[in-house]
Structures are given as structure tokens and as C-alpha cells.
Amino acid sequence: MSTASETTTRKPNGARVHVQRFGTFLSNMVMPNIPAFIAWGFITALFIATGWLQSTNWAISGILGGFGDQAKIGWEGAATVLAQDPSGHTFNQYVGLVGPMITYLLPLLIANTGGRMVYGVRGGVVGSIATMGVIVGSNIPMFIGAMIMGPLGAYVIKQVDRIWDGKIKAGFEMLVNNFSAGIAGMLLSIGAFFGIAPIVEWLSSVLGGAVNWLVSLHLLPLASILIEPGKVLFLNNAINHGVLTPLGIEQAQQTGKSILFLLEANPGPGLGILAAYSFFGLGVARASAPGAIIIQFFGGIHEIYFPYVLMKPILIIGAIAGGMTGVAINAAFQTGLRAPASPGSIIAVLLQTPGPSLVGVVLSVIGAAAVSFIVCSVILRASRKRDLAAGNAGDMTAAVAATQANKGKESSVLQSLVNEGEHDTGDAQGDATSRLVRNIVFACDAGMGSSAMGASVLRNKIKKAGIDGVTVTNQAISNLDGTADLVITQRELTDRAKGQSPASQHVSVDNFMNSPRYDEVVDLVKAQQNTPEDANR
């Protein structure tokens, strides 16, 4: 395989990179568990006292929603608690699914994920035990507490294990490991109950009070002044997943919806920017904008419009104006989502929208897109002649590079913008091809987004070539275990992948979406299958 000159992505530095890393860490705790949040949102919408099915099947709603009287419904096989109605009458009330899921399941999933990130399965177990302390020590959903105690519990047991690493006599390993984790988890849980839970509950009340203060003064749209620039600089994750999602879940539990889920997820501002480029942009930016609209609006990948802003930073005014408009409309209509919309696709947004909020949410997206489009169109039109005279038709390559520098890593979605207007020239470098290729792995930082797209592209090419017996999967670089025959990574991550899986063949590409190296990989595999004895020499 051919070798191309190595390209590098400028690394961010200073305080911003620390905020990015913190936001990424929070995101990695929350994002894998988004399906659980979505499930809870649908269960809540269907079965609570004001849910969709309450009027048509009050018995099922009473059981699953956790508000029904066992004596009236008559179902004996479900868990109940002793409750009291406003008149003072006590009765056995069904526990249901809604309350236990938000109180126990969701925080424990987050804690387990955070613990695993720090110290594998063992860290996840101890982190979950510790989190039970903050859960039962508070009267609110303890998502912030889970984000603290999950990683903290894992870190503590990691340090404890180092104390007697290599000092345990043979045959006593399981005894020591199990009891040390159990005792550490117990102590952390008790400490969290008395120490961490009150602090987190106070912090949540302060943050919630601040949000309510902004809403009461009709100032919530001002949040867009921070959120929209933060999105372009990838500084929004710490705010979105660290503050807005926990507060939004708490609001949704009380009212069935929360406007906080829409502060960052509204796809309207990005749609307006891309639409303005589609009509009034120049060069590659104008040619690629319509395709970017599909990815951003329907796919929910907002990062696709960030380079368009970075090409002309003054367009951030349009993003802020659009964001403020969307928030203002949602506040006026008192709308919100049942659960987080992730990714921020119009499809995900609408699926999480309660019926009474549907009109307001749709208008917020339309309004945000319209205002963003108008402001950005005026800016692009005003600078069009000047840009043409200066020969500045929009340097998409430089803008993509700047966006990747802000993000701290390359992105196949962003790189595809460049490749729509430019031919991809020699962007791979590979190792020796002496190993028979049966297992191909696409690896990236998280092992979810860009690597999944690359794996899908190559999987289709291999299928069309009529090749059998070859698996193509995607995973995080940290999970590479050396069993892959061929590992494909973005160029800047190849060295990490080699260190994680040194026995594998490695191919590095500039983007996962449409690299010509995929055809070379297909040819290699086909040639090896035709002459397997040669491939194993």
C-alpha cells in the first residue's frame, strides 16, 4: 500500500483542552446510556397519570406509572408501597417503572459506566455500590452524584489494589479481591450517604434555582450566548451533560418535560447557517452545504456546520440569534422534551416531544432556522463581492482543520466536506501484508461514531466483492486486544493503535467515509483468499 506524507492536526492547549477533556469524560458516562433515558422517556409519556394511555387503559397506566391503588385495580403481582391520598386515606400504591428507573437505574448505569472508564468492571462495581449512598441519601434523582461517585469509587479501589499488588499468596486472590472491593464499596457508600449526598442536593437546588430565576425573568434565551460559541469550540459537553441533562431529568420527573433538553439540541441554528451557505456561499462551501444539511438536520451531527462558522467567525452572531429565538419560542409556549434528544436530530427531537409541546417545539426549530438563515444570509451577501475580489471563496480545508483542532481529534464527517470538492490523493499508509486478513477492525477514540461509519462502508465493499469469511467491526482503540488482523485508524491515532495491538497490520487514513485505501484493502483480501498459502508465508 502506498505511503503519503504525514499530516498533523494542531492540538489545542491551555484551559480549553482541560474543559474539553472534562466534557468528553462526562459525555462518555452519559452517551452510552442514552437508550435507557429514551426508554424512560417513552415509559413516562405512556403510563404516568397524565400520559397517553391513562384515559384508554387506566389500570395498566396505574400499575406501570406507579400511581394506581392496588385495592381498586386488583393486580396482586406487582410491588407496592404504602401511600396516602390528600384526604389522609392510606392505600397500597404500585411502585411502577417510572420512579425506580429515574431514581435507581439511570444513576447506577451512569456510575457503572464511569467506574468502568477508570478501572474496568471492578471499578464499575465499586462505583455503583458507592453511588447507592448518594441515591438513598437524597430526595432528588442523583445524576450529578453518580457522575462523582462512579469514577471516585473506581479510583479508590484502583489505589487499594495497588497496595497489595503481587503480595497476595496463591489461592487467596479471590478472597482478598472480593472482600477488599466489598469493604471499600461499603465505606464509600456510607460516606456518600452522609457527606456527598447533602452537598450534591444543595448544589442541584442552587443550579435549579438559577435556571428558574432565568426563566422567571425571561432571560433563558441568553444562555445561547454561551452555548452556541461553546458548540463550535467543543466546550459545550461539560455544560450539556454535566448540568443541563441532570437538571432536565429532574424537571421532567416533576412536570413530564423540560426546556433544558432543547437549549443545545435544537437543530434550527445549524440548519439556518447551512441554508445560507447553500444560497449565498462560494466555492466548496456552497457546493457541500446541501449535503451537510441532511447530515446535520436528519442525522443530528451538529459538528458538520462548525467549519462553515469558522470560515467566517462573524456568523456566530447568526447562530446565537437563532439559538435565542428557539429558546424564546419554547419558553413562550412552555414546551420541552420528555428526555434528552441524542443525537440532536429533528427526528430524535420530535420523538421526545410530548403532544401538547409539539407545536411549540416545531415552531422553535423553524424560528431558529429562519432567524439564523436571515442573519447569516445578510452577512454572506454583504461580504460576497469582497470575498470574490480577494479570491477568497471559502477555505474549507483550513476550516475543517481548525474545527478538528478545536475538537482535539479528526472527524470523518468533517473530512468528508473537503472530499466532496477535492479528490482524495494518497491518504493511507500501511504495514507489511504478510498476515492473513480475516478480522478487520476500525478503531477510533470512542469506538462508536466515525469508526462505525467506516466499518459500514468497507463492509459493503467487501460484500459487493463477493468475499466471505471476513468480519469488519468497530471499537475503541483502548479496547484493541491484538486479535485483529488489520486495524484501520485515522492517521493521528495510528501510533496509539500500534501500541495497543502491535501484532496487527495497520492502515491509517485521513477520513473514514470515502478513503480510496478501502479498495486496496478489498484487493488485498481478495488476493489472499485466492492464494492463502502465499499469504501465510
Protein backbone atom coordinates (compact mmCIF):
# COMPACT_ATOMS: atom_id res chain seq x y z
CA MET A 1 0.00 0.00 0.00
CA SER A 2 1.17 3.48 -0.82
CA THR A 3 2.51 5.91 1.70
CA ALA A 4 1.59 9.55 1.84
CA SER A 5 3.18 12.42 3.58
CA GLU A 6 2.01 12.57 7.16
CA THR A 7 -0.49 15.24 8.13
CA THR A 8 -0.98 16.53 11.61
CA THR A 9 -3.81 18.24 13.41
CA ARG A 10 -2.92 21.11 15.67
CA LYS A 11 -3.59 20.27 19.30
CA PRO A 12 -5.48 22.70 21.46
CA ASN A 13 -3.78 23.95 24.55
CA GLY A 14 -4.43 25.87 27.72
CA ALA A 15 -7.58 25.83 29.80
CA ARG A 16 -9.76 24.90 26.83
CA VAL A 17 -8.26 21.46 26.42
CA HIS A 18 -8.92 20.68 30.08
CA VAL A 19 -12.56 21.73 29.71
CA GLN A 20 -12.80 19.60 26.57
CA ARG A 21 -11.37 16.58 28.34
CA PHE A 22 -13.72 17.09 31.26
CA GLY A 23 -16.67 17.41 28.91
CA THR A 24 -15.61 14.31 27.00
CA PHE A 25 -15.35 12.36 30.23
CA LEU A 26 -18.86 13.42 31.24
CA SER A 27 -20.19 12.63 27.77
CA ASN A 28 -18.65 9.17 27.83
CA MET A 29 -20.51 8.45 31.06
CA VAL A 30 -23.85 9.63 29.72
CA MET A 31 -23.86 8.85 25.99
CA PRO A 32 -23.69 5.01 26.16
CA ASN A 33 -26.74 5.12 28.44
CA ILE A 34 -28.89 7.39 26.26
CA PRO A 35 -31.06 4.39 25.18
CA ALA A 36 -32.05 3.96 28.82
CA PHE A 37 -33.03 7.64 29.03
CA ILE A 38 -35.08 7.25 25.85
CA ALA A 39 -36.80 4.15 27.25
CA TRP A 40 -37.62 6.02 30.45
CA GLY A 41 -38.96 8.94 28.42
CA PHE A 42 -41.34 6.72 26.46
CA ILE A 43 -42.49 4.85 29.57
CA THR A 44 -43.14 8.16 31.28
CA ALA A 45 -45.08 9.50 28.29
CA LEU A 46 -47.23 6.39 28.10
CA PHE A 47 -48.02 5.50 31.70
CA ILE A 48 -47.87 8.46 34.09
CA ALA A 49 -51.14 9.89 35.43
CA THR A 50 -51.30 12.39 32.55
CA GLY A 51 -49.78 10.01 29.98
CA TRP A 52 -51.01 8.98 26.56
CA LEU A 53 -52.63 5.72 27.71
CA GLN A 54 -54.12 6.89 31.01
CA SER A 55 -57.56 7.60 29.52
CA THR A 56 -57.70 4.39 27.47
CA ASN A 57 -56.28 1.93 29.98
CA TRP A 58 -56.11 3.44 33.45
CA ALA A 59 -55.37 0.08 35.12
CA ILE A 60 -52.17 -0.62 33.15
CA SER A 61 -51.13 3.03 33.50
CA GLY A 62 -51.76 2.91 37.24
CA ILE A 63 -49.59 -0.20 37.63
CA LEU A 64 -46.69 0.79 35.37
CA GLY A 65 -46.91 4.52 36.05
CA GLY A 66 -46.74 3.97 39.80
CA PHE A 67 -49.85 5.87 40.89
CA GLY A 68 -52.60 3.22 40.98
CA ASP A 69 -54.40 1.88 44.05
CA GLN A 70 -53.92 -1.86 44.38
CA ALA A 71 -57.32 -2.30 46.05
CA LYS A 72 -59.11 -0.66 43.11
CA ILE A 73 -57.11 -2.26 40.30
CA GLY A 74 -56.77 -5.68 41.91
CA TRP A 75 -53.43 -6.74 40.45
CA GLU A 76 -51.57 -8.63 43.18
CA GLY A 77 -48.32 -9.45 41.38
CA ALA A 78 -46.64 -6.05 41.43
CA ALA A 79 -44.57 -4.24 44.07
CA THR A 80 -46.43 -1.67 46.17
CA VAL A 81 -45.67 0.94 48.83
CA LEU A 82 -47.90 2.44 51.48
CA ALA A 83 -49.12 5.85 50.29
CA GLN A 84 -51.55 8.50 51.47
CA ASP A 85 -54.00 10.49 49.39
CA PRO A 86 -54.83 14.19 50.03
CA SER A 87 -57.75 13.21 52.30
CA GLY A 88 -55.44 11.25 54.59
CA HIS A 89 -56.56 7.82 53.39
CA THR A 90 -53.71 5.30 53.23
CA PHE A 91 -53.55 2.71 50.46
CA ASN A 92 -51.14 0.34 48.74
CA GLN A 93 -49.78 2.22 45.72
CA TYR A 94 -47.98 0.45 42.89
CA VAL A 95 -44.27 1.23 42.58
CA GLY A 96 -44.34 1.09 38.78
CA LEU A 97 -41.45 1.65 36.39
CA VAL A 98 -41.12 5.42 36.15
CA GLY A 99 -39.88 6.17 39.67
CA PRO A 100 -37.43 3.27 40.12
CA MET A 101 -35.88 3.84 36.70
CA ILE A 102 -35.07 7.50 37.29
CA THR A 103 -34.14 7.00 40.95
CA TYR A 104 -32.01 3.87 40.69
CA LEU A 105 -31.48 2.51 37.17
CA LEU A 106 -30.29 5.63 35.34
CA PRO A 107 -27.87 6.90 38.03
CA LEU A 108 -26.45 3.41 38.55
CA LEU A 109 -25.90 2.96 34.80
CA ILE A 110 -24.01 6.25 34.70
CA ALA A 111 -21.99 5.31 37.78
CA ASN A 112 -21.13 1.90 36.38
CA THR A 113 -20.03 3.39 33.07
CA GLY A 114 -17.89 6.00 34.82
CA GLY A 115 -16.34 3.35 37.05
CA ARG A 116 -15.54 1.13 34.07
CA MET A 117 -13.84 4.03 32.34
CA VAL A 118 -11.49 4.40 35.30
CA TYR A 119 -10.90 0.79 36.33
CA GLY A 120 -12.81 -1.69 34.21
CA VAL A 121 -15.53 -4.00 35.53
CA ARG A 122 -14.15 -3.90 39.07
CA GLY A 123 -14.27 -0.11 39.08
CA GLY A 124 -17.83 -0.18 37.75
CA VAL A 125 -18.98 -2.47 40.57
CA VAL A 126 -17.41 -0.42 43.37
CA GLY A 127 -18.55 2.84 41.76
CA SER A 128 -22.14 1.54 41.65
CA ILE A 129 -22.02 0.48 45.31
CA ALA A 130 -20.73 3.90 46.30
CA THR A 131 -23.43 5.62 44.26
CA MET A 132 -26.18 3.86 46.21
CA GLY A 133 -25.14 6.06 49.14
CA VAL A 134 -25.94 9.30 47.33
CA ILE A 135 -29.12 7.85 45.80
CA VAL A 136 -30.75 6.86 49.09
CA GLY A 137 -29.26 9.87 50.89
CA SER A 138 -31.21 12.34 48.77
CA ASN A 139 -34.76 13.07 47.65
CA ILE A 140 -33.82 14.02 44.06
CA PRO A 141 -32.54 11.98 41.09
CA MET A 142 -28.83 11.74 41.81
CA PHE A 143 -27.22 12.06 38.37
CA ILE A 144 -24.55 14.54 39.45
CA GLY A 145 -23.83 12.30 42.44
CA ALA A 146 -23.46 9.30 40.13
CA MET A 147 -21.01 11.22 37.95
CA ILE A 148 -18.94 11.90 41.07
CA MET A 149 -19.16 8.62 42.97
CA GLY A 150 -18.85 6.25 39.99
CA PRO A 151 -15.37 7.38 38.93
CA LEU A 152 -14.36 8.13 42.54
CA GLY A 153 -15.25 4.63 43.72
CA ALA A 154 -13.30 3.13 40.83
CA TYR A 155 -10.27 5.31 41.56
CA VAL A 156 -10.30 4.33 45.25
CA ILE A 157 -10.42 0.58 44.60
CA LYS A 158 -7.71 1.00 41.98
CA GLN A 159 -5.44 2.57 44.57
CA VAL A 160 -6.38 -0.06 47.15
CA ASP A 161 -5.46 -2.86 44.75
CA ARG A 162 -2.03 -1.31 44.27
CA ILE A 163 -1.30 -1.68 47.98
CA TRP A 164 -1.07 -5.48 47.85
CA ASP A 165 -0.41 -5.97 44.17
CA GLY A 166 1.88 -9.01 43.90
CA LYS A 167 1.83 -9.63 47.68
CA ILE A 168 -1.17 -12.00 47.92
CA LYS A 169 -0.35 -15.65 48.47
CA ALA A 170 -1.54 -18.10 45.84
CA GLY A 171 -5.09 -19.29 46.46
CA PHE A 172 -6.18 -16.16 48.34
CA GLU A 173 -6.56 -13.82 45.35
CA MET A 174 -10.35 -14.14 45.02
CA LEU A 175 -10.88 -13.81 48.77
CA VAL A 176 -8.81 -10.63 49.01
CA ASN A 177 -10.21 -9.10 45.81
CA ASN A 178 -13.85 -9.69 46.71
CA PHE A 179 -13.59 -8.54 50.33
CA SER A 180 -11.47 -5.50 49.52
CA ALA A 181 -13.96 -4.35 46.88
CA GLY A 182 -16.91 -5.05 49.18
CA ILE A 183 -15.43 -3.22 52.16
CA ALA A 184 -14.29 -0.27 50.03
CA GLY A 185 -17.74 -0.05 48.43
CA MET A 186 -19.43 -0.18 51.84
CA LEU A 187 -17.29 2.61 53.29
CA LEU A 188 -17.69 4.78 50.20
CA SER A 189 -21.45 4.26 50.20
CA ILE A 190 -21.73 5.29 53.85
CA GLY A 191 -19.50 8.30 53.27
CA ALA A 192 -21.53 9.29 50.22
CA PHE A 193 -24.77 8.98 52.20
CA PHE A 194 -23.68 11.38 54.94
CA GLY A 195 -21.15 13.53 53.09
CA ILE A 196 -21.66 13.73 49.33
CA ALA A 197 -25.47 13.47 49.05
CA PRO A 198 -26.24 16.65 51.05
CA ILE A 199 -23.64 18.63 49.11
CA VAL A 200 -24.90 17.45 45.72
CA GLU A 201 -28.52 18.06 46.74
CA TRP A 202 -27.60 21.61 47.76
CA LEU A 203 -25.69 22.15 44.50
CA SER A 204 -28.63 20.84 42.47
CA SER A 205 -31.01 23.17 44.28
CA VAL A 206 -28.72 26.13 43.59
CA LEU A 207 -28.42 25.28 39.89
CA GLY A 208 -32.13 24.59 39.63
CA GLY A 209 -32.88 27.88 41.36
CA ALA A 210 -30.62 29.70 38.90
CA VAL A 211 -32.46 28.16 35.96
CA ASN A 212 -35.85 29.02 37.46
CA TRP A 213 -34.62 32.58 38.08
CA LEU A 214 -33.64 32.93 34.42
CA VAL A 215 -36.99 31.52 33.32
CA SER A 216 -38.97 33.82 35.64
CA LEU A 217 -37.13 36.87 34.29
CA HIS A 218 -37.45 35.61 30.69
CA LEU A 219 -33.65 35.57 30.41
CA LEU A 220 -33.16 31.91 29.49
CA PRO A 221 -32.53 32.81 25.80
CA LEU A 222 -29.30 34.49 26.97
CA ALA A 223 -27.90 31.01 27.58
CA SER A 224 -27.39 30.80 23.80
CA ILE A 225 -24.64 33.42 24.11
CA LEU A 226 -22.57 30.74 25.87
CA ILE A 227 -23.94 27.58 24.27
CA GLU A 228 -23.64 28.42 20.56
CA PRO A 229 -19.98 29.57 20.64
CA GLY A 230 -19.28 26.67 23.01
CA LYS A 231 -20.60 24.21 20.44
CA VAL A 232 -18.24 25.49 17.76
CA LEU A 233 -15.30 25.26 20.19
CA PHE A 234 -16.44 21.88 21.60
CA LEU A 235 -16.80 23.35 25.07
CA ASN A 236 -20.49 22.53 25.42
CA ASN A 237 -20.27 18.95 26.71
CA ALA A 238 -19.38 19.92 30.26
CA ILE A 239 -22.41 22.24 30.40
CA ASN A 240 -24.80 19.98 28.49
CA HIS A 241 -24.09 16.62 30.08
CA GLY A 242 -22.78 17.86 33.40
CA VAL A 243 -25.53 20.36 34.26
CA LEU A 244 -28.40 20.60 31.76
CA THR A 245 -29.17 16.88 31.45
CA PRO A 246 -29.31 16.17 35.22
CA LEU A 247 -31.43 19.29 35.83
CA GLY A 248 -33.60 18.48 32.84
CA ILE A 249 -34.28 14.95 34.08
CA GLU A 250 -35.28 16.35 37.47
CA GLN A 251 -37.67 18.80 35.80
CA ALA A 252 -39.07 16.11 33.53
CA GLN A 253 -39.79 13.90 36.53
CA GLN A 254 -41.86 16.68 38.10
CA THR A 255 -43.62 18.10 35.04
CA GLY A 256 -43.19 15.46 32.32
CA LYS A 257 -40.95 17.69 30.20
CA SER A 258 -38.01 20.10 30.35
CA ILE A 259 -36.98 23.01 28.17
CA LEU A 260 -33.34 22.38 29.15
CA PHE A 261 -33.16 19.44 26.76
CA LEU A 262 -33.70 21.88 23.88
CA LEU A 263 -31.08 24.50 24.73
CA GLU A 264 -28.32 22.69 22.86
CA ALA A 265 -30.14 20.03 20.80
CA ASN A 266 -32.26 22.36 18.64
CA PRO A 267 -31.04 21.77 15.05
CA GLY A 268 -32.52 25.07 13.83
CA PRO A 269 -29.47 27.37 14.14
CA GLY A 270 -27.20 24.98 12.25
CA LEU A 271 -29.83 24.44 9.57
CA GLY A 272 -30.10 28.19 9.01
CA ILE A 273 -26.33 28.60 8.65
CA LEU A 274 -26.04 25.77 6.13
CA ALA A 275 -29.06 27.02 4.18
CA ALA A 276 -27.48 30.47 3.94
CA TYR A 277 -24.30 28.93 2.54
CA SER A 278 -26.38 26.89 0.06
CA PHE A 279 -27.80 30.11 -1.43
CA PHE A 280 -25.12 32.72 -0.85
CA GLY A 281 -21.89 30.85 -0.18
CA LEU A 282 -18.94 30.48 -2.52
CA GLY A 283 -16.87 27.61 -3.87
CA VAL A 284 -16.59 24.35 -2.00
CA ALA A 285 -18.58 25.72 0.94
CA ARG A 286 -21.63 26.36 -1.24
CA ALA A 287 -21.30 23.03 -3.08
CA SER A 288 -21.07 20.97 0.12
CA ALA A 289 -23.68 22.80 2.21
CA PRO A 290 -26.80 20.96 0.89
CA GLY A 291 -25.31 17.57 1.74
CA ALA A 292 -24.26 18.88 5.13
CA ILE A 293 -27.87 19.90 5.81
CA ILE A 294 -29.01 16.27 5.56
CA ILE A 295 -26.30 15.09 7.93
CA GLN A 296 -26.93 17.88 10.43
CA PHE A 297 -30.72 18.14 10.40
CA PHE A 298 -31.70 14.50 10.00
CA GLY A 299 -28.57 12.76 11.24
CA GLY A 300 -28.12 15.04 14.24
CA ILE A 301 -24.36 15.51 13.76
CA HIS A 302 -24.09 19.21 14.54
CA GLU A 303 -20.31 19.33 14.13
CA ILE A 304 -20.83 19.33 10.37
CA TYR A 305 -21.68 23.05 10.37
CA PHE A 306 -18.85 24.20 12.66
CA PRO A 307 -16.30 24.67 9.80
CA TYR A 308 -18.76 26.95 8.00
CA VAL A 309 -18.78 29.22 11.05
CA LEU A 310 -15.01 29.07 11.43
CA MET A 311 -14.57 30.16 7.80
CA LYS A 312 -16.40 33.37 8.70
CA PRO A 313 -16.47 33.69 12.51
CA ILE A 314 -18.89 36.61 12.41
CA LEU A 315 -21.57 34.05 11.51
CA ILE A 316 -21.61 33.05 15.18
CA ILE A 317 -23.96 36.04 15.52
CA GLY A 318 -26.45 34.17 13.35
CA ALA A 319 -26.07 31.02 15.45
CA ILE A 320 -26.61 32.96 18.69
CA ALA A 321 -29.61 34.83 17.28
CA GLY A 322 -31.14 31.59 16.04
CA GLY A 323 -30.50 29.83 19.34
CA MET A 324 -32.02 32.68 21.35
CA THR A 325 -35.07 32.68 19.08
CA GLY A 326 -35.61 28.95 19.56
CA VAL A 327 -35.30 29.20 23.32
CA ALA A 328 -37.60 32.21 23.45
CA ILE A 329 -40.30 30.39 21.46
CA ASN A 330 -40.04 27.31 23.66
CA ALA A 331 -40.27 29.49 26.77
CA ALA A 332 -43.30 31.35 25.39
CA PHE A 333 -45.11 28.12 24.55
CA GLN A 334 -43.87 26.44 27.78
CA THR A 335 -42.66 23.45 25.79
CA GLY A 336 -39.98 20.88 26.45
CA LEU A 337 -38.84 17.32 25.80
CA ARG A 338 -39.51 14.23 27.89
CA ALA A 339 -35.87 13.09 27.80
CA PRO A 340 -32.59 14.08 26.11
CA ALA A 341 -32.64 14.10 22.31
CA SER A 342 -29.41 12.45 21.29
CA PRO A 343 -28.17 12.93 18.66
CA GLY A 344 -29.67 16.36 18.05
CA SER A 345 -31.64 15.23 15.02
CA ILE A 346 -35.08 16.63 14.22
CA ILE A 347 -36.26 13.01 14.33
CA ALA A 348 -34.95 12.46 17.86
CA VAL A 349 -36.33 15.83 18.97
CA LEU A 350 -39.83 15.09 17.69
CA LEU A 351 -39.86 11.59 19.16
CA GLN A 352 -39.13 13.03 22.61
CA THR A 353 -41.71 15.82 22.30
CA PRO A 354 -44.94 15.44 24.33
CA GLY A 355 -48.13 16.02 22.35
CA PRO A 356 -49.01 19.40 23.93
CA SER A 357 -45.49 20.69 23.20
CA LEU A 358 -45.36 19.61 19.57
CA VAL A 359 -46.47 22.92 18.04
CA GLY A 360 -44.10 24.98 20.17
CA VAL A 361 -41.11 22.72 19.52
CA VAL A 362 -41.69 22.69 15.75
CA LEU A 363 -42.07 26.47 15.73
CA SER A 364 -38.87 26.82 17.78
CA VAL A 365 -36.92 24.85 15.20
CA ILE A 366 -38.46 26.79 12.30
CA GLY A 367 -37.95 30.12 14.06
CA ALA A 368 -34.34 29.35 15.00
CA ALA A 369 -33.55 28.25 11.45
CA ALA A 370 -35.27 31.28 9.91
CA VAL A 371 -33.51 33.85 12.09
CA SER A 372 -30.15 32.14 11.69
CA PHE A 373 -30.68 31.98 7.92
CA ILE A 374 -31.63 35.66 7.64
CA VAL A 375 -28.71 36.93 9.73
CA CYS A 376 -26.14 34.70 8.02
CA SER A 377 -27.52 35.48 4.56
CA VAL A 378 -27.14 39.22 5.18
CA ILE A 379 -23.55 38.68 6.32
CA LEU A 380 -22.66 36.43 3.39
CA ARG A 381 -24.29 38.73 0.86
CA ALA A 382 -22.56 41.78 2.31
CA SER A 383 -19.12 40.17 2.05
CA ARG A 384 -19.68 38.31 -1.23
CA LYS A 385 -18.13 40.88 -3.57
CA ARG A 386 -15.22 41.49 -1.22
CA ASP A 387 -14.53 37.76 -0.96
CA LEU A 388 -14.67 37.32 -4.74
CA ALA A 389 -12.37 40.29 -5.32
CA ALA A 390 -9.90 38.93 -2.81
CA GLY A 391 -10.11 35.44 -4.29
CA ASN A 392 -11.45 34.12 -1.01
CA ALA A 393 -14.11 31.56 -1.92
CA GLY A 394 -14.03 29.90 1.45
CA ASP A 395 -11.10 27.74 2.51
CA MET A 396 -12.98 24.62 3.62
CA THR A 397 -9.78 22.65 4.18
CA ALA A 398 -8.44 25.24 6.62
CA ALA A 399 -11.81 25.50 8.36
CA VAL A 400 -12.06 21.73 8.79
CA ALA A 401 -8.53 21.65 10.16
CA ALA A 402 -9.40 24.40 12.62
CA THR A 403 -12.53 22.57 13.72
CA GLN A 404 -10.59 19.36 14.26
CA ALA A 405 -8.01 21.28 16.25
CA ASN A 406 -10.75 22.65 18.48
CA LYS A 407 -12.18 19.17 18.89
CA GLY A 408 -8.78 17.69 19.61
CA LYS A 409 -9.15 14.86 17.07
CA GLU A 410 -10.01 14.22 13.45
CA SER A 411 -13.55 13.51 12.28
CA SER A 412 -14.62 11.55 9.24
CA VAL A 413 -17.81 13.58 8.96
CA LEU A 414 -15.88 16.84 8.81
CA GLN A 415 -13.24 15.49 6.43
CA SER A 416 -15.97 14.40 4.02
CA LEU A 417 -16.75 18.09 3.45
CA VAL A 418 -13.31 18.58 1.94
CA ASN A 419 -13.50 15.42 -0.10
CA GLU A 420 -16.81 16.44 -1.68
CA GLY A 421 -14.97 19.16 -3.52
CA GLU A 422 -11.46 17.74 -3.73
CA HIS A 423 -10.11 14.40 -4.87
CA ASP A 424 -8.58 12.31 -2.13
CA THR A 425 -4.95 11.77 -3.00
CA GLY A 426 -3.00 9.01 -1.37
CA ASP A 427 -4.12 9.16 2.21
CA ALA A 428 -3.14 5.83 3.67
CA GLN A 429 -0.08 4.18 4.99
CA GLY A 430 0.09 0.51 5.83
CA ASP A 431 2.33 -2.11 7.33
CA ALA A 432 3.53 -5.34 5.77
CA THR A 433 0.69 -7.51 4.47
CA SER A 434 2.03 -10.93 5.38
CA ARG A 435 -0.74 -11.74 7.86
CA LEU A 436 -3.89 -13.38 6.51
CA VAL A 437 -6.72 -10.91 6.97
CA ARG A 438 -9.89 -12.38 8.46
CA ASN A 439 -10.74 -9.81 11.13
CA ILE A 440 -10.72 -6.10 10.27
CA VAL A 441 -11.31 -3.52 13.00
CA PHE A 442 -11.98 0.20 12.59
CA ALA A 443 -10.76 1.96 15.71
CA CYS A 444 -11.31 5.48 16.99
CA ASP A 445 -11.33 7.21 20.37
CA ALA A 446 -14.83 6.22 21.45
CA GLY A 447 -15.42 3.31 19.09
CA MET A 448 -18.90 4.50 18.16
CA GLY A 449 -19.43 7.29 15.64
CA SER A 450 -16.84 7.70 12.88
CA SER A 451 -15.40 4.20 13.13
CA ALA A 452 -18.91 2.71 12.81
CA MET A 453 -19.43 4.63 9.57
CA GLY A 454 -16.09 3.49 8.20
CA ALA A 455 -16.79 -0.12 9.09
CA SER A 456 -20.14 0.08 7.32
CA VAL A 457 -18.54 1.46 4.15
CA LEU A 458 -15.85 -1.24 4.00
CA ARG A 459 -18.32 -3.98 4.96
CA ASN A 460 -20.46 -3.06 1.95
CA LYS A 461 -17.44 -3.03 -0.37
CA ILE A 462 -16.37 -6.48 0.80
CA LYS A 463 -19.90 -7.81 0.35
CA LYS A 464 -20.12 -6.41 -3.20
CA ALA A 465 -16.77 -8.02 -3.99
CA GLY A 466 -18.22 -11.42 -3.08
CA ILE A 467 -15.71 -12.02 -0.27
CA ASP A 468 -16.76 -14.36 2.53
CA GLY A 469 -15.22 -15.20 5.90
CA VAL A 470 -14.05 -11.67 6.73
CA THR A 471 -15.55 -9.71 9.63
CA VAL A 472 -15.47 -5.92 9.80
CA THR A 473 -16.20 -4.33 13.18
CA ASN A 474 -15.53 -1.09 15.04
CA GLN A 475 -14.31 -0.45 18.57
CA ALA A 476 -12.40 1.99 20.74
CA ILE A 477 -8.62 1.97 20.47
CA SER A 478 -8.38 1.25 24.19
CA ASN A 479 -10.30 -1.99 23.61
CA LEU A 480 -7.96 -3.39 20.96
CA ASP A 481 -6.65 -6.71 22.27
CA GLY A 482 -4.31 -7.84 19.49
CA THR A 483 -6.73 -10.27 17.85
CA ALA A 484 -7.44 -8.03 14.86
CA ASP A 485 -5.61 -8.96 11.66
CA LEU A 486 -5.98 -5.47 10.21
CA VAL A 487 -6.65 -2.24 12.11
CA ILE A 488 -7.78 0.91 10.29
CA THR A 489 -7.48 4.23 12.10
CA GLN A 490 -7.31 7.92 11.36
CA ARG A 491 -3.73 8.96 10.79
CA GLU A 492 -3.14 10.74 14.09
CA LEU A 493 -4.39 7.71 16.04
CA THR A 494 -2.32 5.05 14.27
CA ASP A 495 0.59 5.15 16.69
CA ARG A 496 -1.75 4.59 19.62
CA ALA A 497 -3.38 1.69 17.81
CA LYS A 498 0.02 0.13 17.07
CA GLY A 499 0.94 0.33 20.71
CA GLN A 500 -2.35 -1.32 21.69
CA SER A 501 -2.24 -4.03 19.00
CA PRO A 502 1.37 -4.37 17.78
CA ALA A 503 0.90 -7.73 16.05
CA SER A 504 -1.82 -6.43 13.73
CA GLN A 505 -1.38 -4.86 10.33
CA HIS A 506 -2.21 -1.14 10.45
CA VAL A 507 -3.60 1.20 7.83
CA SER A 508 -4.06 4.90 8.51
CA VAL A 509 -6.43 7.10 6.54
CA ASP A 510 -7.35 10.76 6.58
CA ASN A 511 -11.07 10.05 6.74
CA PHE A 512 -13.30 7.06 7.35
CA MET A 513 -16.04 7.97 4.88
CA ASN A 514 -14.56 7.58 1.43
CA SER A 515 -10.87 6.71 1.50
CA PRO A 516 -9.51 5.05 -1.69
CA ARG A 517 -7.48 2.74 0.59
CA TYR A 518 -10.64 0.71 1.16
CA ASP A 519 -10.39 -0.56 -2.42
CA GLU A 520 -6.79 -1.58 -1.77
CA VAL A 521 -7.87 -3.45 1.36
CA VAL A 522 -10.54 -5.26 -0.65
CA ASP A 523 -7.99 -6.17 -3.33
CA LEU A 524 -5.58 -7.42 -0.66
CA VAL A 525 -8.19 -9.64 0.98
CA LYS A 526 -9.35 -10.98 -2.36
CA ALA A 527 -5.78 -11.77 -3.38
CA GLN A 528 -5.10 -13.53 -0.08
CA GLN A 529 -8.20 -15.66 -0.42
CA ASN A 530 -7.20 -16.65 -3.92
CA THR A 531 -3.71 -17.67 -2.70
CA PRO A 532 -4.00 -18.32 1.05
CA GLU A 533 -0.82 -20.35 1.15
CA ASP A 534 1.17 -17.35 -0.03
CA ALA A 535 -0.47 -15.04 2.49
CA ASN A 536 0.62 -17.19 5.40
CA ARG A 537 4.26 -17.44 4.49
